């Protein structure tokens, strides 16, 4: 069977069986039996084996254009919807090239993904996430991923049961296959999980996805996560922020001066505040290892971190008007331990070339932490 004949078969099966009131005249079992007679998998495999990829994609798109309008007819029949989605995914998964939205032949094929998502969004939310869950996102352009995220995550109640498991599957697969920009968008959208008590049961899943994406793109996502949290902390539900940050593996995070500025502001908050506790946890779990010649984070960051911690200590100390509370004693002990761990100087002598005794910042450290 060739493409024109297959399209004729699909028209015969899908089109005549809807009456004027758009009620299906055949049962779900009838449609299933009819579509099962067509060997879609063998057809698409043969098509991609025998023809150039772009031609195979073009013909596949013609077939999809025949099926797509009928997605609305079956939007309330979960089994049929799943079956049609599975048929549509076959040529997408067979694609051996990165879909290029600028290619005039491939563009309609990729656009059909968005059309499917929009059609399912209109009529059946569960069908939307079922279709998108196993999409091969390494074959989809960044632009289409952003469009899919907009469709999926803007749908009211998208993180509610029972489809939430498929939504998380979509976000995990997409983030693992796409650029850091797409991953950043996913992390931003997952923040809502930590802002509403109704989503509390999903926090661990969301945190696992964020952890995965941060460690896939450590140069971008750790700092992005810190900024997102800094902006949204007031919206977070109770201990959600602490739960989120404490589950992120941050040893590969190379913090920068802007990150240190945020951490210093957190460290200067009341000692009982979650932000102060999170800043301490982050400083404790970053990779401060260094040998005689270099360090993972760089000497400048070690030095700047020492200044940030020392200045936060001074701010906390200035708040005490009477006998220091127990929390401050514990904080003071932590500060000493953390500054020693930075290995800024040994026996009063700076261990890093960039430090010199005439630098007022070095004098500040030595005066407060001799």
Protein backbone atom coordinates (compact mmCIF):
# COMPACT_ATOMS: atom_id res chain seq x y z
CA UNK A 1 0.00 0.00 0.00
CA UNK A 2 1.32 3.46 -0.86
CA UNK A 3 0.58 6.83 0.74
CA UNK A 4 -2.36 7.86 -1.52
CA UNK A 5 -4.09 4.50 -0.96
CA UNK A 6 -3.57 4.71 2.80
CA UNK A 7 -5.08 8.20 2.84
CA UNK A 8 -8.09 6.89 0.89
CA UNK A 9 -8.51 4.09 3.44
CA UNK A 10 -8.38 6.55 6.33
CA UNK A 11 -10.99 8.76 4.71
CA UNK A 12 -13.30 5.78 4.29
CA UNK A 13 -12.84 4.70 7.90
CA UNK A 14 -12.86 8.04 9.68
CA UNK A 15 -15.15 10.40 7.79
CA UNK A 16 -18.56 8.86 7.00
CA UNK A 17 -19.34 7.65 10.48
CA UNK A 18 -20.27 10.95 12.13
CA UNK A 19 -23.86 12.16 11.68
CA UNK A 20 -25.07 15.75 11.41
CA UNK A 21 -25.17 16.13 15.19
CA UNK A 22 -21.55 14.85 15.30
CA UNK A 23 -22.50 11.67 17.14
CA UNK A 24 -20.40 8.63 16.30
CA UNK A 25 -22.41 6.01 14.42
CA UNK A 26 -19.99 3.18 15.17
CA UNK A 27 -18.85 1.91 18.53
CA UNK A 28 -15.35 2.30 19.88
CA UNK A 29 -14.75 -1.40 19.26
CA UNK A 30 -15.81 -0.98 15.61
CA UNK A 31 -13.31 1.81 15.04
CA UNK A 32 -10.58 -0.11 16.84
CA UNK A 33 -11.10 -3.17 14.64
CA UNK A 34 -11.09 -1.06 11.47
CA UNK A 35 -7.90 0.82 12.33
CA UNK A 36 -6.21 -2.38 13.50
CA UNK A 37 -6.51 -3.69 9.94
CA UNK A 38 -4.00 -1.11 8.77
CA UNK A 39 -0.36 -2.00 9.56
CA UNK A 40 0.73 1.55 10.38
CA UNK A 41 4.01 0.58 11.99
CA UNK A 42 5.16 -1.53 9.03
CA UNK A 43 3.97 1.14 6.62
CA UNK A 44 5.92 3.97 8.25
CA UNK A 45 9.04 1.84 8.73
CA UNK A 46 8.96 0.89 5.05
CA UNK A 47 8.36 4.51 4.06
CA UNK A 48 11.39 5.76 6.01
CA UNK A 49 13.57 2.86 4.85
CA UNK A 50 12.88 3.33 1.15
CA UNK A 51 12.59 7.10 0.79
CA UNK A 52 14.68 10.12 1.66
CA UNK A 53 13.90 11.38 5.14
CA UNK A 54 12.38 14.68 4.03
CA UNK A 55 10.11 12.95 1.50
CA UNK A 56 9.08 10.39 4.11
CA UNK A 57 8.29 13.21 6.50
CA UNK A 58 6.28 15.02 3.84
CA UNK A 59 4.17 11.94 3.08
CA UNK A 60 3.79 11.22 6.79
CA UNK A 61 2.48 14.72 7.25
CA UNK A 62 -0.14 14.13 4.57
CA UNK A 63 -1.36 11.13 6.53
CA UNK A 64 -1.40 13.10 9.77
CA UNK A 65 -3.42 15.84 8.11
CA UNK A 66 -6.03 13.21 7.32
CA UNK A 67 -6.14 11.95 10.92
CA UNK A 68 -5.84 15.23 12.81
CA UNK A 69 -9.30 16.71 12.07
CA UNK A 70 -10.81 13.51 13.47
CA UNK A 71 -9.06 13.84 16.81
CA UNK A 72 -12.03 15.98 17.84
CA UNK A 73 -14.46 13.20 17.00
CA UNK A 74 -12.71 10.81 19.36
CA UNK A 75 -11.66 13.24 22.07
CA UNK A 76 -14.03 11.64 24.60
CA UNK A 77 -13.08 8.05 23.80
CA UNK A 78 -9.85 7.43 25.67
CA UNK A 79 -8.93 4.15 23.95
CA UNK A 80 -9.43 5.56 20.46
CA UNK A 81 -7.62 8.74 21.38
CA UNK A 82 -4.68 6.75 22.67
CA UNK A 83 -4.66 4.60 19.54
CA UNK A 84 -4.67 7.59 17.16
CA UNK A 85 -1.95 9.29 19.22
CA UNK A 86 0.16 6.15 18.99
CA UNK A 87 -0.25 6.11 15.20
CA UNK A 88 0.81 9.75 14.96
CA UNK A 89 3.89 9.17 17.11
CA UNK A 90 5.30 6.42 14.86
CA UNK A 91 6.67 8.69 12.06
CA UNK A 92 7.79 11.27 14.62
CA UNK A 93 9.90 8.66 16.40
CA UNK A 94 11.31 7.39 13.11
CA UNK A 95 12.70 10.79 12.25
CA UNK A 96 16.47 10.55 12.06
CA UNK A 97 17.11 14.28 11.71
CA UNK A 98 16.55 17.19 14.06
CA UNK A 99 13.34 18.83 12.93
CA UNK A 100 14.14 22.24 11.56
CA UNK A 101 11.29 24.73 11.77
CA UNK A 102 12.93 26.73 8.97
CA UNK A 103 12.70 23.83 6.52
CA UNK A 104 9.62 24.27 4.34
CA UNK A 105 9.12 20.49 4.03
CA UNK A 106 9.57 19.62 7.68
CA UNK A 107 7.76 22.64 9.11
CA UNK A 108 4.20 21.33 8.50
CA UNK A 109 5.13 18.03 10.15
CA UNK A 110 6.34 19.73 13.31
CA UNK A 111 3.41 22.13 13.24
CA UNK A 112 1.12 19.11 13.39
CA UNK A 113 2.48 18.35 16.87
CA UNK A 114 1.20 21.72 18.06
CA UNK A 115 -2.09 21.20 16.23
CA UNK A 116 -2.56 17.86 18.01
CA UNK A 117 -1.78 19.44 21.37
CA UNK A 118 -4.18 22.32 20.78
CA UNK A 119 -6.95 19.98 19.62
CA UNK A 120 -6.58 17.75 22.65
CA UNK A 121 -6.35 20.75 24.95
CA UNK A 122 -9.69 22.00 23.73
CA UNK A 123 -11.53 18.78 24.44
CA UNK A 124 -9.66 16.34 26.61
CA UNK A 125 -6.84 17.33 28.93
CA UNK A 126 -5.92 13.74 29.77
CA UNK A 127 -5.57 12.94 26.07
CA UNK A 128 -3.15 15.84 25.69
CA UNK A 129 -0.69 14.58 28.28
CA UNK A 130 -1.01 10.99 27.07
CA UNK A 131 0.00 12.08 23.61
CA UNK A 132 2.88 14.30 24.72
CA UNK A 133 4.30 11.94 27.36
CA UNK A 134 6.36 9.80 24.96
CA UNK A 135 7.15 12.37 22.29
CA UNK A 136 10.84 12.08 21.24
CA UNK A 137 11.86 15.58 22.29
CA UNK A 138 15.37 15.27 20.91
CA UNK A 139 13.65 15.41 17.48
CA UNK A 140 11.65 18.53 18.24
CA UNK A 141 12.87 22.09 17.93
CA UNK A 142 13.29 24.41 20.88
CA UNK A 143 10.52 26.68 19.60
CA UNK A 144 8.02 23.82 19.50
CA UNK A 145 9.01 22.77 23.04
CA UNK A 146 8.25 26.29 24.29
CA UNK A 147 4.86 26.13 22.55
CA UNK A 148 4.10 22.74 24.10
CA UNK A 149 5.05 24.03 27.57
CA UNK A 150 2.73 26.99 27.10
CA UNK A 151 -0.16 24.72 26.09
CA UNK A 152 0.41 22.13 28.82
CA UNK A 153 1.29 24.30 31.80
CA UNK A 154 -1.29 27.01 31.17
CA UNK A 155 -4.12 24.48 31.28
CA UNK A 156 -6.14 24.92 34.52
CA UNK A 157 -5.50 22.13 37.01
CA UNK A 158 -2.81 20.51 34.92
CA UNK A 159 -1.01 19.18 38.02
CA UNK A 160 -4.17 17.60 39.41
CA UNK A 161 -4.76 13.86 39.42
CA UNK A 162 -4.91 11.61 37.47
CA UNK A 163 -2.91 13.19 34.65
CA UNK A 164 -0.15 14.68 36.82
CA UNK A 165 2.07 11.60 36.42
CA UNK A 166 2.01 12.09 32.63
CA UNK A 167 2.64 15.83 32.95
CA UNK A 168 5.77 15.17 35.00
CA UNK A 169 6.80 12.56 32.42
CA UNK A 170 6.46 15.19 29.68
CA UNK A 171 8.56 17.72 31.62
CA UNK A 172 11.24 15.17 32.55
CA UNK A 173 11.65 13.83 29.00
CA UNK A 174 11.61 17.25 27.40
CA UNK A 175 14.11 18.71 29.85
CA UNK A 176 16.51 15.79 29.47
CA UNK A 177 16.59 16.15 25.68
CA UNK A 178 16.52 19.88 25.17
CA UNK A 179 18.60 23.03 25.69
CA UNK A 180 19.26 24.82 28.95
CA UNK A 181 16.74 27.50 27.88
CA UNK A 182 13.94 24.93 27.69
CA UNK A 183 15.11 23.42 30.99
CA UNK A 184 14.99 26.89 32.59
CA UNK A 185 11.39 27.30 31.45
CA UNK A 186 10.48 23.91 32.90
CA UNK A 187 12.08 24.76 36.25
CA UNK A 188 10.22 28.09 36.31
CA UNK A 189 6.90 26.36 35.71
CA UNK A 190 7.54 23.74 38.38
CA UNK A 191 7.82 26.47 41.01
CA UNK A 192 4.03 26.52 41.33
CA UNK A 193 4.23 23.06 42.94
CA UNK A 194 5.91 24.63 45.96
CA UNK A 195 3.45 27.50 46.26
CA UNK A 196 0.15 25.68 46.77
CA UNK A 197 -0.74 23.25 49.53
CA UNK A 198 -2.93 21.27 47.10
CA UNK A 199 0.24 20.23 45.23
CA UNK A 200 2.16 19.14 48.34
CA UNK A 201 2.09 15.47 47.32
CA UNK A 202 3.92 16.33 44.08
CA UNK A 203 6.82 18.22 45.64
CA UNK A 204 9.26 15.30 45.68
CA UNK A 205 8.62 14.50 42.00
CA UNK A 206 9.04 18.14 41.03
CA UNK A 207 12.22 18.41 43.11
CA UNK A 208 13.67 15.29 41.45
CA UNK A 209 13.06 16.78 38.00
CA UNK A 210 14.62 20.11 39.01
CA UNK A 211 17.63 18.29 40.45
CA UNK A 212 18.04 16.30 37.23
CA UNK A 213 17.85 19.40 35.04
CA UNK A 214 20.18 21.46 37.24
CA UNK A 215 22.86 18.80 37.02
CA UNK A 216 22.38 18.45 33.25
CA UNK A 217 22.94 22.19 32.83
CA UNK A 218 24.95 23.24 35.91
CA UNK A 219 26.42 26.33 34.26
CA UNK A 220 22.96 27.89 33.91
CA UNK A 221 20.29 26.24 35.99
CA UNK A 222 21.67 26.41 39.54
CA UNK A 223 21.94 30.18 39.38
CA UNK A 224 18.56 30.38 37.66
CA UNK A 225 17.00 28.28 40.42
CA UNK A 226 18.49 30.52 43.10
CA UNK A 227 17.05 33.63 41.44
CA UNK A 228 13.64 32.01 41.01
CA UNK A 229 13.58 31.05 44.66
CA UNK A 230 14.74 34.49 45.73
CA UNK A 231 11.90 36.09 43.77
CA UNK A 232 9.22 33.65 44.90
CA UNK A 233 10.12 32.75 48.49
CA UNK A 234 7.20 34.80 49.90
CA UNK A 235 4.80 32.66 47.82
CA UNK A 236 6.21 29.31 48.92
CA UNK A 237 4.06 27.17 51.19
CA UNK A 238 5.53 26.72 54.69
CA UNK A 239 8.72 24.56 54.52
CA UNK A 240 8.54 24.05 50.74
CA UNK A 241 11.61 26.16 49.95
CA UNK A 242 13.78 24.28 52.43
CA UNK A 243 12.44 20.97 51.11
CA UNK A 244 13.28 21.98 47.54
CA UNK A 245 16.83 23.23 48.07
CA UNK A 246 17.84 20.45 50.47
CA UNK A 247 17.16 17.84 47.81
CA UNK A 248 19.34 19.41 45.10
CA UNK A 249 22.82 17.99 44.53
CA UNK A 250 24.88 21.17 44.13
CA UNK A 251 28.50 19.96 44.04
CA UNK A 252 28.75 20.86 40.33
CA UNK A 253 27.42 24.40 40.85
CA UNK A 254 30.00 27.07 40.09
CA UNK A 255 28.50 30.04 41.86
CA UNK A 256 29.17 33.59 40.71
CA UNK A 257 29.23 37.00 42.39
CA UNK A 258 25.49 37.55 41.83
CA UNK A 259 24.74 34.24 43.51
CA UNK A 260 26.92 35.24 46.47
CA UNK A 261 25.04 38.52 46.77
CA UNK A 262 21.73 36.64 47.10
CA UNK A 263 23.23 34.17 49.59
CA UNK A 264 24.64 37.01 51.69
CA UNK A 265 21.20 38.66 51.81
CA UNK A 266 19.68 35.35 52.91
CA UNK A 267 22.41 34.85 55.50
CA UNK A 268 21.63 38.29 56.92
CA UNK A 269 17.97 37.41 57.55
CA UNK A 270 16.81 36.40 61.06
CA UNK A 271 18.67 33.26 62.09
CA UNK A 272 15.43 31.30 62.42
CA UNK A 273 14.32 32.23 58.89
CA UNK A 274 14.26 29.54 56.21
CA UNK A 275 16.33 31.75 53.89
CA UNK A 276 19.16 31.93 56.44
CA UNK A 277 19.08 28.17 56.95
CA UNK A 278 19.09 27.57 53.19
CA UNK A 279 22.06 29.88 52.67
CA UNK A 280 24.01 28.00 55.33
CA UNK A 281 23.08 24.68 53.71
CA UNK A 282 24.21 25.91 50.29
CA UNK A 283 27.56 27.16 51.63
CA UNK A 284 28.02 23.81 53.40
CA UNK A 285 27.36 21.72 50.29
CA UNK A 286 29.20 23.59 47.55
CA UNK A 287 32.50 22.14 46.36
CA UNK A 288 35.14 24.19 48.22
CA UNK A 289 37.94 21.70 47.60
CA UNK A 290 41.26 23.16 46.52
CA UNK A 291 44.84 21.98 46.15
CA UNK A 292 48.06 23.99 46.29
CA UNK A 293 47.47 25.62 42.92
CA UNK A 294 43.75 25.89 42.25
CA UNK A 295 40.21 25.27 43.43
CA UNK A 296 37.01 24.03 41.79
CA UNK A 297 35.22 27.34 42.32
CA UNK A 298 38.25 29.57 41.86
CA UNK A 299 40.23 31.66 44.33
CA UNK A 300 38.18 34.79 43.66
CA UNK A 301 34.96 33.01 44.64
CA UNK A 302 36.59 31.60 47.77
CA UNK A 303 37.66 35.09 48.77
CA UNK A 304 34.31 36.71 47.88
CA UNK A 305 32.46 33.98 49.80
CA UNK A 306 34.61 34.71 52.84
CA UNK A 307 33.74 38.40 52.63
CA UNK A 308 30.01 37.62 52.18
CA UNK A 309 29.97 35.34 55.22
CA UNK A 310 31.97 37.78 57.34
CA UNK A 311 29.71 40.71 56.42
CA UNK A 312 26.60 38.67 57.17
CA UNK A 313 28.13 37.81 60.55
CA UNK A 314 28.70 41.49 61.26
CA UNK A 315 25.06 42.25 60.39
CA UNK A 316 23.80 39.48 62.67
CA UNK A 317 26.11 40.65 65.47
CA UNK A 318 24.86 44.23 65.17
CA UNK A 319 21.31 43.04 65.87
CA UNK A 320 22.24 41.77 69.35
CA UNK A 321 21.68 44.28 72.14
CA UNK A 322 21.91 42.02 75.17
CA UNK A 323 23.12 38.50 75.88
CA UNK A 324 23.66 36.65 72.58
CA UNK A 325 20.95 34.02 72.02
CA UNK A 326 21.80 30.36 71.50
CA UNK A 327 21.10 30.66 67.76
CA UNK A 328 23.80 33.31 67.40
CA UNK A 329 26.35 31.15 69.22
CA UNK A 330 25.60 28.32 66.81
CA UNK A 331 25.78 30.70 63.87
CA UNK A 332 29.11 32.10 65.07
CA UNK A 333 30.50 28.58 65.33
CA UNK A 334 29.27 27.85 61.81
CA UNK A 335 30.90 31.03 60.46
CA UNK A 336 34.29 30.11 61.93
CA UNK A 337 34.06 26.59 60.54
CA UNK A 338 33.03 27.82 57.11
CA UNK A 339 35.80 30.45 56.87
CA UNK A 340 38.41 27.89 57.87
CA UNK A 341 37.07 25.56 55.19
CA UNK A 342 37.59 28.29 52.57
CA UNK A 343 41.36 28.14 53.29
CA UNK A 344 41.81 31.84 52.64
CA UNK A 345 44.99 32.10 54.66
CA UNK A 346 47.10 29.94 56.92
CA UNK A 347 48.90 31.15 60.05
CA UNK A 348 48.01 34.72 59.16
CA UNK A 349 49.57 34.43 55.69
CA UNK A 350 47.26 34.56 52.63
CA UNK A 351 47.37 31.29 50.69
CA UNK A 352 46.04 32.80 47.46
CA UNK A 353 48.05 35.06 45.15
CA UNK A 354 45.19 37.55 44.83
CA UNK A 355 45.19 38.24 48.58
CA UNK A 356 47.60 40.70 50.11
CA UNK A 357 47.79 42.10 53.60
CA UNK A 358 47.27 45.68 52.43
CA UNK A 359 43.87 44.85 50.92
CA UNK A 360 41.23 46.35 53.30
CA UNK A 361 38.99 43.32 52.73
CA UNK A 362 41.78 41.03 53.93
CA UNK A 363 42.25 43.30 56.92
CA UNK A 364 38.51 43.06 57.61
CA UNK A 365 38.68 39.27 57.66
CA UNK A 366 41.80 39.16 59.81
CA UNK A 367 40.38 41.72 62.24
CA UNK A 368 37.15 39.83 62.74
CA UNK A 369 38.50 36.30 62.29
CA UNK A 370 42.21 36.37 63.18
